[in-house]
C-alpha atoms as a PDB file:
ATOM      1  CA  MET A   1      -5.116  30.110   1.449  1.00  0.00           C
ATOM      2  CA  SER A   2      -4.868  28.424   4.876  1.00  0.00           C
ATOM      3  CA  LYS A   3      -3.441  24.829   5.153  1.00  0.00           C
ATOM      4  CA  THR A   4      -5.537  21.761   5.590  1.00  0.00           C
ATOM      5  CA  ARG A   5      -5.465  20.765   9.382  1.00  0.00           C
ATOM      6  CA  VAL A   6      -4.368  17.083   9.503  1.00  0.00           C
ATOM      7  CA  GLY A   7      -4.458  14.476  12.240  1.00  0.00           C
ATOM      8  CA  ILE A   8      -3.009  11.003  12.747  1.00  0.00           C
ATOM      9  CA  ILE A   9      -4.670   8.523  14.744  1.00  0.00           C
ATOM     10  CA  ASN A  10      -2.127   6.014  16.383  1.00  0.00           C
ATOM     11  CA  VAL A  11       1.109   8.051  15.661  1.00  0.00           C
ATOM     12  CA  THR A  12       3.216   5.567  17.517  1.00  0.00           C
ATOM     13  CA  GLY A  13       2.937   2.597  14.942  1.00  0.00           C
ATOM     14  CA  TYR A  14       5.386   2.408  12.084  1.00  0.00           C
ATOM     15  CA  ALA A  15       2.865   3.653   9.591  1.00  0.00           C
ATOM     16  CA  GLY A  16       1.739   6.560  11.799  1.00  0.00           C
ATOM     17  CA  VAL A  17       5.271   7.730  12.576  1.00  0.00           C
ATOM     18  CA  GLU A  18       6.262   7.560   8.903  1.00  0.00           C
ATOM     19  CA  LEU A  19       3.257   9.817   8.072  1.00  0.00           C
ATOM     20  CA  ALA A  20       4.350  12.330  10.503  1.00  0.00           C
ATOM     21  CA  ARG A  21       7.885  12.455   9.008  1.00  0.00           C
ATOM     22  CA  LEU A  22       6.430  12.864   5.359  1.00  0.00           C
ATOM     23  CA  LEU A  23       3.622  15.293   6.364  1.00  0.00           C
ATOM     24  CA  HIS A  24       6.166  17.521   8.035  1.00  0.00           C
ATOM     25  CA  GLN A  25       7.580  18.371   4.482  1.00  0.00           C
ATOM     26  CA  HIS A  26       4.041  18.854   2.804  1.00  0.00           C
ATOM     27  CA  PRO A  27       3.450  22.423   1.742  1.00  0.00           C
ATOM     28  CA  GLU A  28      -0.162  22.319   1.765  1.00  0.00           C
ATOM     29  CA  VAL A  29      -1.102  20.590   5.186  1.00  0.00           C
ATOM     30  CA  GLU A  30      -0.241  21.192   8.660  1.00  0.00           C
ATOM     31  CA  LEU A  31       0.057  18.227  11.162  1.00  0.00           C
ATOM     32  CA  VAL A  32      -1.867  19.545  14.240  1.00  0.00           C
ATOM     33  CA  SER A  33      -2.954  16.344  16.101  1.00  0.00           C
ATOM     34  CA  ALA A  34      -1.424  13.005  16.638  1.00  0.00           C
ATOM     35  CA  THR A  35      -2.864  10.332  18.882  1.00  0.00           C
ATOM     36  CA  GLY A  36      -1.233   7.464  20.865  1.00  0.00           C
ATOM     37  CA  ARG A  37      -2.866   6.367  23.983  1.00  0.00           C
ATOM     38  CA  SER A  38       0.217   4.766  25.509  1.00  0.00           C
ATOM     39  CA  THR A  39       1.955   7.861  25.045  1.00  0.00           C
ATOM     40  CA  ALA A  40      -0.502  10.682  25.486  1.00  0.00           C
ATOM     41  CA  GLY A  41       0.916  13.821  27.087  1.00  0.00           C
ATOM     42  CA  GLN A  42       4.334  13.322  25.734  1.00  0.00           C
ATOM     43  CA  GLN A  43       6.110  15.278  23.192  1.00  0.00           C
ATOM     44  CA  LEU A  44       6.191  13.593  19.759  1.00  0.00           C
ATOM     45  CA  GLY A  45       9.985  14.426  19.605  1.00  0.00           C
ATOM     46  CA  THR A  46      10.622  12.780  23.021  1.00  0.00           C
ATOM     47  CA  VAL A  47       9.051   9.605  21.898  1.00  0.00           C
ATOM     48  CA  PHE A  48      10.685   9.475  18.548  1.00  0.00           C
ATOM     49  CA  PRO A  49      13.849  11.679  18.754  1.00  0.00           C
ATOM     50  CA  HIS A  50      14.250  11.808  14.881  1.00  0.00           C
ATOM     51  CA  LEU A  51      10.930  14.039  14.909  1.00  0.00           C
ATOM     52  CA  SER A  52      12.271  16.423  17.415  1.00  0.00           C
ATOM     53  CA  SER A  53      11.572  19.340  15.061  1.00  0.00           C
ATOM     54  CA  LEU A  54       7.868  18.531  15.230  1.00  0.00           C
ATOM     55  CA  GLU A  55       6.598  20.430  18.210  1.00  0.00           C
ATOM     56  CA  LEU A  56       3.490  18.248  18.807  1.00  0.00           C
ATOM     57  CA  THR A  57       1.966  16.931  22.159  1.00  0.00           C
ATOM     58  CA  ILE A  58       0.629  13.438  21.556  1.00  0.00           C
ATOM     59  CA  GLU A  59      -2.956  13.184  22.553  1.00  0.00           C
ATOM     60  CA  ALA A  60      -5.425  10.460  23.744  1.00  0.00           C
ATOM     61  CA  GLU A  61      -8.205  11.589  21.253  1.00  0.00           C
ATOM     62  CA  PRO A  62      -8.047  13.612  17.989  1.00  0.00           C
ATOM     63  CA  GLY A  63      -8.138  17.203  18.101  1.00  0.00           C
ATOM     64  CA  ASP A  64      -9.733  19.866  15.756  1.00  0.00           C
ATOM     65  CA  VAL A  65      -8.920  18.735  12.174  1.00  0.00           C
ATOM     66  CA  ASP A  66     -10.061  18.911   8.641  1.00  0.00           C
ATOM     67  CA  PHE A  67      -8.535  15.493   7.507  1.00  0.00           C
ATOM     68  CA  VAL A  68      -7.581  12.378   9.328  1.00  0.00           C
ATOM     69  CA  PHE A  69      -5.396   9.322   8.710  1.00  0.00           C
ATOM     70  CA  SER A  70      -6.240   6.364  10.712  1.00  0.00           C
ATOM     71  CA  ALA A  71      -3.191   4.109  11.479  1.00  0.00           C
ATOM     72  CA  MET A  72      -5.104   1.751  13.999  1.00  0.00           C
ATOM     73  CA  PRO A  73      -4.989  -2.051  13.679  1.00  0.00           C
ATOM     74  CA  HIS A  74      -7.762  -3.675  11.780  1.00  0.00           C
ATOM     75  CA  LYS A  75     -11.079  -3.902  13.606  1.00  0.00           C
ATOM     76  CA  ASP A  76     -10.026  -1.065  15.971  1.00  0.00           C
ATOM     77  CA  SER A  77      -9.700   1.430  13.151  1.00  0.00           C
ATOM     78  CA  ALA A  78     -13.342   1.067  11.935  1.00  0.00           C
ATOM     79  CA  GLN A  79     -14.564   2.272  15.243  1.00  0.00           C
ATOM     80  CA  GLU A  80     -12.422   5.322  14.991  1.00  0.00           C
ATOM     81  CA  VAL A  81     -13.331   6.025  11.455  1.00  0.00           C
ATOM     82  CA  ILE A  82     -17.161   5.572  11.556  1.00  0.00           C
ATOM     83  CA  PRO A  83     -17.916   8.751  13.724  1.00  0.00           C
ATOM     84  CA  LEU A  84     -15.440  10.943  11.670  1.00  0.00           C
ATOM     85  CA  VAL A  85     -17.089   9.929   8.468  1.00  0.00           C
ATOM     86  CA  LYS A  86     -20.499  10.750   9.849  1.00  0.00           C
ATOM     87  CA  ARG A  87     -19.110  14.142  10.939  1.00  0.00           C
ATOM     88  CA  GLY A  88     -18.118  14.627   7.297  1.00  0.00           C
ATOM     89  CA  ILE A  89     -14.430  14.616   7.918  1.00  0.00           C
ATOM     90  CA  LYS A  90     -12.284  13.088   5.167  1.00  0.00           C
ATOM     91  CA  VAL A  91     -10.320   9.796   6.005  1.00  0.00           C
ATOM     92  CA  VAL A  92      -7.804   7.798   4.836  1.00  0.00           C
ATOM     93  CA  ASP A  93      -7.762   4.428   6.757  1.00  0.00           C
ATOM     94  CA  ILE A  94      -4.442   2.712   6.490  1.00  0.00           C
ATOM     95  CA  SER A  95      -6.062  -0.566   8.028  1.00  0.00           C
ATOM     96  CA  ALA A  96      -7.809  -3.243   6.129  1.00  0.00           C
ATOM     97  CA  ASP A  97     -11.053  -2.416   7.628  1.00  0.00           C
ATOM     98  CA  PHE A  98     -12.659  -0.790   4.466  1.00  0.00           C
ATOM     99  CA  ARG A  99     -10.547  -2.490   1.606  1.00  0.00           C
ATOM    100  CA  LEU A 100     -12.931  -5.307   0.881  1.00  0.00           C
ATOM    101  CA  ASN A 101     -16.168  -4.863  -0.932  1.00  0.00           C
ATOM    102  CA  ASP A 102     -17.814  -7.948   0.483  1.00  0.00           C
ATOM    103  CA  ALA A 103     -18.615  -7.695   4.258  1.00  0.00           C
ATOM    104  CA  ALA A 104     -18.829 -11.283   4.620  1.00  0.00           C
ATOM    105  CA  GLN A 105     -15.185 -11.694   3.959  1.00  0.00           C
ATOM    106  CA  TYR A 106     -14.229  -9.795   7.160  1.00  0.00           C
ATOM    107  CA  PRO A 107     -15.206 -12.683   9.490  1.00  0.00           C
ATOM    108  CA  VAL A 108     -13.246 -15.069   7.283  1.00  0.00           C
ATOM    109  CA  TRP A 109      -9.892 -13.347   7.064  1.00  0.00           C
ATOM    110  CA  TYR A 110      -9.940 -10.806   9.917  1.00  0.00           C
ATOM    111  CA  GLY A 111     -12.089 -12.496  12.598  1.00  0.00           C
ATOM    112  CA  PHE A 112     -14.726  -9.759  13.099  1.00  0.00           C
ATOM    113  CA  THR A 113     -18.093  -8.874  11.734  1.00  0.00           C
ATOM    114  CA  HIS A 114     -18.022  -5.356  10.153  1.00  0.00           C
ATOM    115  CA  PRO A 115     -19.556  -2.722  12.161  1.00  0.00           C
ATOM    116  CA  ALA A 116     -20.620  -0.579   9.146  1.00  0.00           C
ATOM    117  CA  PRO A 117     -21.077  -2.653   5.924  1.00  0.00           C
ATOM    118  CA  GLN A 118     -22.857   0.302   4.223  1.00  0.00           C
ATOM    119  CA  LEU A 119     -19.439   2.348   4.213  1.00  0.00           C
ATOM    120  CA  LEU A 120     -17.845  -0.325   2.242  1.00  0.00           C
ATOM    121  CA  LYS A 121     -19.811   0.740  -0.686  1.00  0.00           C
ATOM    122  CA  GLN A 122     -18.759   4.313  -0.050  1.00  0.00           C
ATOM    123  CA  ALA A 123     -15.098   3.775   0.633  1.00  0.00           C
ATOM    124  CA  VAL A 124     -12.819   3.944  -2.422  1.00  0.00           C
ATOM    125  CA  TYR A 125      -9.672   1.600  -2.707  1.00  0.00           C
ATOM    126  CA  GLY A 126      -6.900   3.807  -2.645  1.00  0.00           C
ATOM    127  CA  LEU A 127      -4.581   2.517  -5.302  1.00  0.00           C
ATOM    128  CA  PRO A 128      -4.334   5.725  -7.377  1.00  0.00           C
ATOM    129  CA  GLU A 129      -2.895   4.017 -10.461  1.00  0.00           C
ATOM    130  CA  LEU A 130      -6.060   2.158 -10.821  1.00  0.00           C
ATOM    131  CA  HIS A 131      -8.657   4.352  -9.137  1.00  0.00           C
ATOM    132  CA  GLY A 132      -7.360   7.910  -9.051  1.00  0.00           C
ATOM    133  CA  SER A 133     -10.634   9.410 -10.524  1.00  0.00           C
ATOM    134  CA  ARG A 134     -12.636   7.926  -7.888  1.00  0.00           C
ATOM    135  CA  ILE A 135     -10.235   8.896  -5.250  1.00  0.00           C
ATOM    136  CA  ASN A 136     -10.519  12.508  -6.523  1.00  0.00           C
ATOM    137  CA  GLY A 137     -13.168  14.090  -4.178  1.00  0.00           C
ATOM    138  CA  ALA A 138     -13.869  10.904  -2.079  1.00  0.00           C
ATOM    139  CA  GLN A 139     -14.588  11.202   1.679  1.00  0.00           C
ATOM    140  CA  LEU A 140     -13.260   7.607   2.704  1.00  0.00           C
ATOM    141  CA  VAL A 141     -10.356   6.053   1.245  1.00  0.00           C
ATOM    142  CA  ALA A 142      -9.003   2.382   2.069  1.00  0.00           C
ATOM    143  CA  ASN A 143      -5.389   2.612   1.843  1.00  0.00           C
ATOM    144  CA  PRO A 144      -4.143  -0.705   0.240  1.00  0.00           C
ATOM    145  CA  GLY A 145      -2.032  -3.092   1.985  1.00  0.00           C
ATOM    146  CA  CYS A 146       1.753  -3.130   1.371  1.00  0.00           C
ATOM    147  CA  TYR A 147       1.792  -6.671  -0.386  1.00  0.00           C
ATOM    148  CA  PRO A 148      -1.241  -5.956  -2.469  1.00  0.00           C
ATOM    149  CA  THR A 149       0.132  -2.900  -3.733  1.00  0.00           C
ATOM    150  CA  GLY A 150       3.280  -4.551  -5.173  1.00  0.00           C
ATOM    151  CA  ALA A 151       1.506  -7.532  -6.444  1.00  0.00           C
ATOM    152  CA  ILE A 152      -1.384  -5.536  -7.919  1.00  0.00           C
ATOM    153  CA  LEU A 153       0.768  -3.075  -9.649  1.00  0.00           C
ATOM    154  CA  ALA A 154       2.856  -6.006 -11.047  1.00  0.00           C
ATOM    155  CA  MET A 155       0.033  -8.036 -12.511  1.00  0.00           C
ATOM    156  CA  ALA A 156      -2.400  -5.157 -13.440  1.00  0.00           C
ATOM    157  CA  PRO A 157      -1.372  -4.433 -17.037  1.00  0.00           C
ATOM    158  CA  ALA A 158      -1.275  -8.069 -17.987  1.00  0.00           C
ATOM    159  CA  VAL A 159      -4.630  -8.962 -16.388  1.00  0.00           C
ATOM    160  CA  LYS A 160      -6.319  -5.931 -17.959  1.00  0.00           C
ATOM    161  CA  ALA A 161      -4.923  -6.729 -21.470  1.00  0.00           C
ATOM    162  CA  GLY A 162      -5.945 -10.424 -21.172  1.00  0.00           C
ATOM    163  CA  ILE A 163      -2.583 -11.737 -22.186  1.00  0.00           C
ATOM    164  CA  ILE A 164      -2.345 -14.321 -19.404  1.00  0.00           C
ATOM    165  CA  ALA A 165      -4.288 -17.306 -17.903  1.00  0.00           C
ATOM    166  CA  PRO A 166      -6.038 -16.739 -14.775  1.00  0.00           C
ATOM    167  CA  ASP A 167      -3.975 -18.723 -12.529  1.00  0.00           C
ATOM    168  CA  ILE A 168      -1.421 -16.310 -11.018  1.00  0.00           C
ATOM    169  CA  ILE A 169       1.346 -16.907  -8.628  1.00  0.00           C
ATOM    170  CA  VAL A 170       2.589 -14.180  -6.386  1.00  0.00           C
ATOM    171  CA  ASP A 171       5.801 -14.534  -4.232  1.00  0.00           C
ATOM    172  CA  SER A 172       6.518 -11.399  -1.915  1.00  0.00           C
ATOM    173  CA  LYS A 173       9.373 -10.954   0.384  1.00  0.00           C
ATOM    174  CA  SER A 174       8.995  -8.290   3.165  1.00  0.00           C
ATOM    175  CA  GLY A 175      11.217  -6.644   5.643  1.00  0.00           C
ATOM    176  CA  VAL A 176      10.327  -7.015   9.380  1.00  0.00           C
ATOM    177  CA  SER A 177       8.783  -3.530   9.696  1.00  0.00           C
ATOM    178  CA  GLY A 178       5.822  -4.848   7.663  1.00  0.00           C
ATOM    179  CA  ALA A 179       4.793  -6.789  10.868  1.00  0.00           C
ATOM    180  CA  GLY A 180       4.348  -3.510  12.832  1.00  0.00           C
ATOM    181  CA  ARG A 181       6.057  -2.158  15.881  1.00  0.00           C
ATOM    182  CA  THR A 182       4.272  -4.534  18.549  1.00  0.00           C
ATOM    183  CA  LEU A 183       6.861  -6.931  20.080  1.00  0.00           C
ATOM    184  CA  SER A 184       6.744 -10.419  18.457  1.00  0.00           C
ATOM    185  CA  LEU A 185       9.143 -13.400  18.784  1.00  0.00           C
ATOM    186  CA  ASN A 186       9.069 -13.828  15.122  1.00  0.00           C
ATOM    187  CA  THR A 187      10.550 -10.396  14.642  1.00  0.00           C
ATOM    188  CA  HIS A 188      12.880 -10.531  17.457  1.00  0.00           C
ATOM    189  CA  TYR A 189      16.406  -9.852  16.202  1.00  0.00           C
ATOM    190  CA  ALA A 190      17.994 -13.170  16.989  1.00  0.00           C
ATOM    191  CA  GLU A 191      14.848 -14.955  15.438  1.00  0.00           C
ATOM    192  CA  ALA A 192      14.762 -12.946  12.176  1.00  0.00           C
ATOM    193  CA  ASN A 193      18.374 -12.117  11.585  1.00  0.00           C
ATOM    194  CA  GLU A 194      20.297 -14.510   9.048  1.00  0.00           C
ATOM    195  CA  ASP A 195      16.875 -16.149   8.376  1.00  0.00           C
ATOM    196  CA  ILE A 196      14.150 -16.249   5.677  1.00  0.00           C
ATOM    197  CA  THR A 197      10.870 -17.977   5.909  1.00  0.00           C
ATOM    198  CA  ALA A 198       7.676 -18.458   4.360  1.00  0.00           C
ATOM    199  CA  TYR A 199       4.386 -18.015   6.246  1.00  0.00           C
ATOM    200  CA  ALA A 200       0.659 -17.935   5.794  1.00  0.00           C
ATOM    201  CA  LEU A 201       0.590 -20.849   3.292  1.00  0.00           C
ATOM    202  CA  ASP A 202      -3.053 -21.460   4.298  1.00  0.00           C
ATOM    203  CA  GLY A 203      -4.020 -17.920   3.059  1.00  0.00           C
ATOM    204  CA  HIS A 204      -2.716 -14.518   3.924  1.00  0.00           C
ATOM    205  CA  ARG A 205      -5.224 -12.036   4.921  1.00  0.00           C
ATOM    206  CA  HIS A 206      -4.122  -9.835   1.965  1.00  0.00           C
ATOM    207  CA  LEU A 207      -5.036 -12.450  -0.489  1.00  0.00           C
ATOM    208  CA  PRO A 208      -8.742 -11.535  -1.066  1.00  0.00           C
ATOM    209  CA  GLU A 209      -7.603  -7.904  -1.498  1.00  0.00           C
ATOM    210  CA  ILE A 210      -5.271  -9.047  -4.522  1.00  0.00           C
ATOM    211  CA  THR A 211      -7.822 -11.224  -5.922  1.00  0.00           C
ATOM    212  CA  GLN A 212     -10.522  -8.599  -5.615  1.00  0.00           C
ATOM    213  CA  GLU A 213      -8.782  -5.849  -7.340  1.00  0.00           C
ATOM    214  CA  LEU A 214      -7.244  -8.133 -10.250  1.00  0.00           C
ATOM    215  CA  GLY A 215     -10.787  -9.549 -10.671  1.00  0.00           C
ATOM    216  CA  LEU A 216     -12.083  -6.031 -11.341  1.00  0.00           C
ATOM    217  CA  LEU A 217      -9.567  -5.596 -14.225  1.00  0.00           C
ATOM    218  CA  ASN A 218     -10.953  -8.482 -16.266  1.00  0.00           C
ATOM    219  CA  THR A 219     -14.317  -9.627 -15.189  1.00  0.00           C
ATOM    220  CA  ARG A 220     -14.485 -12.087 -18.234  1.00  0.00           C
ATOM    221  CA  GLN A 221     -11.640 -14.290 -16.702  1.00  0.00           C
ATOM    222  CA  PRO A 222     -11.555 -13.733 -12.950  1.00  0.00           C
ATOM    223  CA  ALA A 223      -7.997 -14.263 -11.455  1.00  0.00           C
ATOM    224  CA  SER A 224      -7.166 -17.030  -9.329  1.00  0.00           C
ATOM    225  CA  VAL A 225      -4.204 -15.954  -7.038  1.00  0.00           C
ATOM    226  CA  THR A 226      -1.618 -18.184  -5.155  1.00  0.00           C
ATOM    227  CA  PHE A 227       0.053 -15.766  -2.778  1.00  0.00           C
ATOM    228  CA  ILE A 228       2.993 -16.788  -0.703  1.00  0.00           C
ATOM    229  CA  PRO A 229       4.702 -13.997   1.620  1.00  0.00           C
ATOM    230  CA  HIS A 230       8.086 -14.206   3.184  1.00  0.00           C
ATOM    231  CA  LEU A 231       9.989 -12.576   6.009  1.00  0.00           C
ATOM    232  CA  VAL A 232      13.549 -11.395   4.992  1.00  0.00           C
ATOM    233  CA  PRO A 233      15.885  -9.921   7.604  1.00  0.00           C
ATOM    234  CA  MET A 234      15.837  -6.271   6.536  1.00  0.00           C
ATOM    235  CA  ASN A 235      13.955  -3.300   7.868  1.00  0.00           C
ATOM    236  CA  ARG A 236      12.208  -2.000   4.816  1.00  0.00           C
ATOM    237  CA  GLY A 237      11.090  -2.944   1.354  1.00  0.00           C
ATOM    238  CA  ILE A 238       8.941  -5.560  -0.465  1.00  0.00           C
ATOM    239  CA  LEU A 239      10.152  -7.539  -3.477  1.00  0.00           C
ATOM    240  CA  THR A 240       7.205  -9.269  -5.444  1.00  0.00           C
ATOM    241  CA  THR A 241       7.823 -11.766  -8.075  1.00  0.00           C
ATOM    242  CA  GLY A 242       4.595 -12.604 -10.035  1.00  0.00           C
ATOM    243  CA  TYR A 243       4.112 -15.501 -12.573  1.00  0.00           C
ATOM    244  CA  ALA A 244       1.596 -16.591 -15.022  1.00  0.00           C
ATOM    245  CA  SER A 245       1.201 -18.579 -18.234  1.00  0.00           C
ATOM    246  CA  LEU A 246       0.844 -16.302 -21.334  1.00  0.00           C
ATOM    247  CA  LEU A 247      -2.167 -17.039 -23.537  1.00  0.00           C
ATOM    248  CA  PRO A 248      -1.146 -18.369 -27.158  1.00  0.00           C
ATOM    249  CA  GLY A 249      -1.230 -15.663 -29.799  1.00  0.00           C
ATOM    250  CA  LYS A 250      -1.355 -12.629 -27.550  1.00  0.00           C
ATOM    251  CA  LEU A 251       2.204 -11.659 -27.886  1.00  0.00           C
ATOM    252  CA  ALA A 252       4.811 -12.286 -30.676  1.00  0.00           C
ATOM    253  CA  LYS A 253       7.491 -14.712 -30.155  1.00  0.00           C
ATOM    254  CA  GLY A 254      10.852 -14.086 -28.955  1.00  0.00           C
ATOM    255  CA  ASP A 255      12.377 -10.467 -28.517  1.00  0.00           C
ATOM    256  CA  ARG A 256       9.526  -8.916 -30.254  1.00  0.00           C
ATOM    257  CA  GLY A 257       7.159 -10.300 -27.615  1.00  0.00           C
ATOM    258  CA  LYS A 258       9.271  -8.903 -24.991  1.00  0.00           C
ATOM    259  CA  LYS A 259       9.036  -5.493 -26.549  1.00  0.00           C
ATOM    260  CA  GLU A 260       5.308  -5.865 -27.100  1.00  0.00           C
ATOM    261  CA  LEU A 261       5.100  -6.490 -23.273  1.00  0.00           C
ATOM    262  CA  GLN A 262       7.339  -3.583 -22.309  1.00  0.00           C
ATOM    263  CA  GLU A 263       5.226  -1.229 -24.693  1.00  0.00           C
ATOM    264  CA  LEU A 264       1.931  -2.566 -22.914  1.00  0.00           C
ATOM    265  CA  TYR A 265       3.364  -1.896 -19.280  1.00  0.00           C
ATOM    266  CA  HIS A 266       4.521   1.764 -20.372  1.00  0.00           C
ATOM    267  CA  ASP A 267       1.025   2.517 -21.909  1.00  0.00           C
ATOM    268  CA  PHE A 268      -0.771   1.205 -18.763  1.00  0.00           C
ATOM    269  CA  TYR A 269       1.476   3.358 -16.486  1.00  0.00           C
ATOM    270  CA  ARG A 270       1.886   6.460 -18.593  1.00  0.00           C
ATOM    271  CA  GLY A 271       1.217   9.435 -16.476  1.00  0.00           C
ATOM    272  CA  LYS A 272       1.563   7.466 -13.230  1.00  0.00           C
ATOM    273  CA  PRO A 273       4.274   9.423 -11.528  1.00  0.00           C
ATOM    274  CA  PHE A 274       5.316   6.961  -8.925  1.00  0.00           C
ATOM    275  CA  VAL A 275       5.756   3.885 -11.158  1.00  0.00           C
ATOM    276  CA  ARG A 276       8.930   3.299 -12.921  1.00  0.00           C
ATOM    277  CA  LEU A 277       9.599   0.450 -15.652  1.00  0.00           C
ATOM    278  CA  ALA A 278      13.042  -0.943 -15.026  1.00  0.00           C
ATOM    279  CA  ALA A 279      15.076  -2.266 -17.897  1.00  0.00           C
ATOM    280  CA  SER A 280      16.472  -4.967 -15.406  1.00  0.00           C
ATOM    281  CA  PRO A 281      15.309  -6.788 -12.213  1.00  0.00           C
ATOM    282  CA  PRO A 282      15.044  -3.782  -9.670  1.00  0.00           C
ATOM    283  CA  HIS A 283      16.368  -3.815  -6.103  1.00  0.00           C
ATOM    284  CA  THR A 284      14.457  -2.971  -2.860  1.00  0.00           C
ATOM    285  CA  LYS A 285      17.101  -0.262  -2.236  1.00  0.00           C
ATOM    286  CA  TYR A 286      15.913   1.726  -5.263  1.00  0.00           C
ATOM    287  CA  THR A 287      12.790   2.741  -3.403  1.00  0.00           C
ATOM    288  CA  ARG A 288      13.917   3.167   0.122  1.00  0.00           C
ATOM    289  CA  GLY A 289      12.382   6.284   1.893  1.00  0.00           C
ATOM    290  CA  SER A 290      10.415   7.027  -1.349  1.00  0.00           C
ATOM    291  CA  ASN A 291       6.964   6.541  -2.856  1.00  0.00           C
ATOM    292  CA  LEU A 292       8.333   4.742  -5.983  1.00  0.00           C
ATOM    293  CA  CYS A 293       7.232   1.366  -7.158  1.00  0.00           C
ATOM    294  CA  PHE A 294       9.672  -0.213  -9.764  1.00  0.00           C
ATOM    295  CA  ILE A 295       8.368  -2.815 -11.955  1.00  0.00           C
ATOM    296  CA  HIS A 296      10.291  -5.032 -14.507  1.00  0.00           C
ATOM    297  CA  PRO A 297       7.956  -7.411 -16.803  1.00  0.00           C
ATOM    298  CA  THR A 298       9.605 -10.073 -19.199  1.00  0.00           C
ATOM    299  CA  ILE A 299       9.037 -13.308 -20.531  1.00  0.00           C
ATOM    300  CA  ASP A 300      10.828 -16.588 -19.762  1.00  0.00           C
ATOM    301  CA  ARG A 301      13.195 -18.300 -21.950  1.00  0.00           C
ATOM    302  CA  ASP A 302      10.724 -20.762 -23.305  1.00  0.00           C
ATOM    303  CA  GLY A 303       8.220 -17.850 -24.219  1.00  0.00           C
ATOM    304  CA  GLY A 304       5.342 -19.331 -22.254  1.00  0.00           C
ATOM    305  CA  LYS A 305       5.438 -17.637 -18.992  1.00  0.00           C
ATOM    306  CA  LEU A 306       5.157 -14.001 -17.923  1.00  0.00           C
ATOM    307  CA  ILE A 307       7.523 -12.859 -15.153  1.00  0.00           C
ATOM    308  CA  VAL A 308       7.144  -9.559 -13.403  1.00  0.00           C
ATOM    309  CA  ILE A 309       9.344  -8.057 -10.687  1.00  0.00           C
ATOM    310  CA  SER A 310       8.102  -5.221  -8.564  1.00  0.00           C
ATOM    311  CA  CYS A 311       9.693  -3.459  -5.457  1.00  0.00           C
ATOM    312  CA  LEU A 312       8.763  -0.815  -3.123  1.00  0.00           C
ATOM    313  CA  ASP A 313       9.288   0.639   0.503  1.00  0.00           C
ATOM    314  CA  ASN A 314       6.472  -1.061   2.520  1.00  0.00           C
ATOM    315  CA  LEU A 315       6.358   1.987   4.787  1.00  0.00           C
ATOM    316  CA  VAL A 316       6.060   4.583   2.027  1.00  0.00           C
ATOM    317  CA  LYS A 317       4.258   3.551  -1.178  1.00  0.00           C
ATOM    318  CA  GLY A 318       3.189   0.325   0.877  1.00  0.00           C
ATOM    319  CA  ALA A 319       1.585   2.525   3.727  1.00  0.00           C
ATOM    320  CA  ALA A 320       2.201   6.157   4.515  1.00  0.00           C
ATOM    321  CA  GLY A 321       3.332   7.764   1.255  1.00  0.00           C
ATOM    322  CA  GLN A 322       0.360   6.178  -0.492  1.00  0.00           C
ATOM    323  CA  ALA A 323      -1.855   7.586   2.155  1.00  0.00           C
ATOM    324  CA  ILE A 324      -0.618  11.085   1.489  1.00  0.00           C
ATOM    325  CA  GLN A 325      -0.852  10.464  -2.464  1.00  0.00           C
ATOM    326  CA  ASN A 326      -4.509   9.590  -1.672  1.00  0.00           C
ATOM    327  CA  MET A 327      -5.015  12.726   0.526  1.00  0.00           C
ATOM    328  CA  ASN A 328      -3.537  14.887  -2.333  1.00  0.00           C
ATOM    329  CA  LEU A 329      -6.096  13.660  -4.705  1.00  0.00           C
ATOM    330  CA  MET A 330      -8.758  13.799  -2.104  1.00  0.00           C
ATOM    331  CA  LEU A 331      -7.978  17.517  -1.387  1.00  0.00           C
ATOM    332  CA  GLY A 332      -7.732  18.223  -5.345  1.00  0.00           C
ATOM    333  CA  LEU A 333      -3.801  18.889  -4.963  1.00  0.00           C
ATOM    334  CA  PRO A 334      -1.359  17.191  -7.592  1.00  0.00           C
ATOM    335  CA  GLU A 335      -0.671  13.714  -6.301  1.00  0.00           C
ATOM    336  CA  THR A 336       3.065  14.238  -6.047  1.00  0.00           C
ATOM    337  CA  THR A 337       2.842  17.067  -3.528  1.00  0.00           C
ATOM    338  CA  GLY A 338       5.016  16.447  -0.543  1.00  0.00           C
ATOM    339  CA  LEU A 339       6.344  13.107  -2.021  1.00  0.00           C
ATOM    340  CA  GLU A 340       8.908  14.160  -4.429  1.00  0.00           C
ATOM    341  CA  GLY A 341      11.910  13.172  -2.254  1.00  0.00           C
ATOM    342  CA  LEU A 342      14.244  10.741  -3.726  1.00  0.00           C
ATOM    343  CA  PRO A 343      15.084   7.334  -2.217  1.00  0.00           C
ATOM    344  CA  VAL A 344      17.875   6.883   0.156  1.00  0.00           C
ATOM    345  CA  TYR A 345      20.655   4.976  -1.216  1.00  0.00           C
ATOM    346  CA  PRO A 346      22.556   2.752  -0.021  1.00  0.00           C
END
């Protein structure tokens, strides 16, 4: 059987180039098209020497493909995706342009009016651990943001089970690649090295995404999320710590309660191949270069607070790897296809 012909729109960003790396080892697809307007006409291996084994010329426009990943920035991505969907091509959009269900949220959080609000009803939020059955066979999938992936996976079992109060605090720390490849003073080496800082205290644009998805898990008690991201001086990785008050009587006291919590999380993620429950707080290096997400749920010493640690590679499970996981489901393939590689350590 012939392989699915795949294209990447904007291969020159971090997510796009990571897609190219991962797709090269995928046994069921062939990367036949990659666009990058600033580098059109050049060989992919010339622009990115680590991809020199991929004999592909970067184009200005997508070629003849069956499936497309759009790695364009928000707002620009929708303009690329809309005509593809009209032509019946399956698309995973890595931008935020189809993640939010409510079109009215786009002017508030992203500064533009959505050009195709009708497609927001068609698009499936691409977190396979929550929406795998809907992703299977979908035409348009909105790949989650890197921060929301770690936050939602950390808190979803507790929210679904109704064991916590709705007020949730999410503290996340990301490597500088999460800011993208465009030059910025904040990610300049001399600014970011030996430094850590919080940002977007008035509201990060990933906040409505986190609130939306957690809210869908328990409509009787919608989540109220405080989300504070931090920039840390490393290339890859996101470490998230989620906090919430436990509701009285939902779990036993002491060690028995911790065991019940572990069982709850194991049951929720049973059969989810890329989620690992860790016996101790995980490190971001546990996931580097892989599509894994490690999660460690526990209860504080006084027994009143849930604490959950999650970590992932923001460019893989937080972007390109998850996009391929979604593609696999959309094409009827095992979701692990092409993503079985182990993390790089140290």
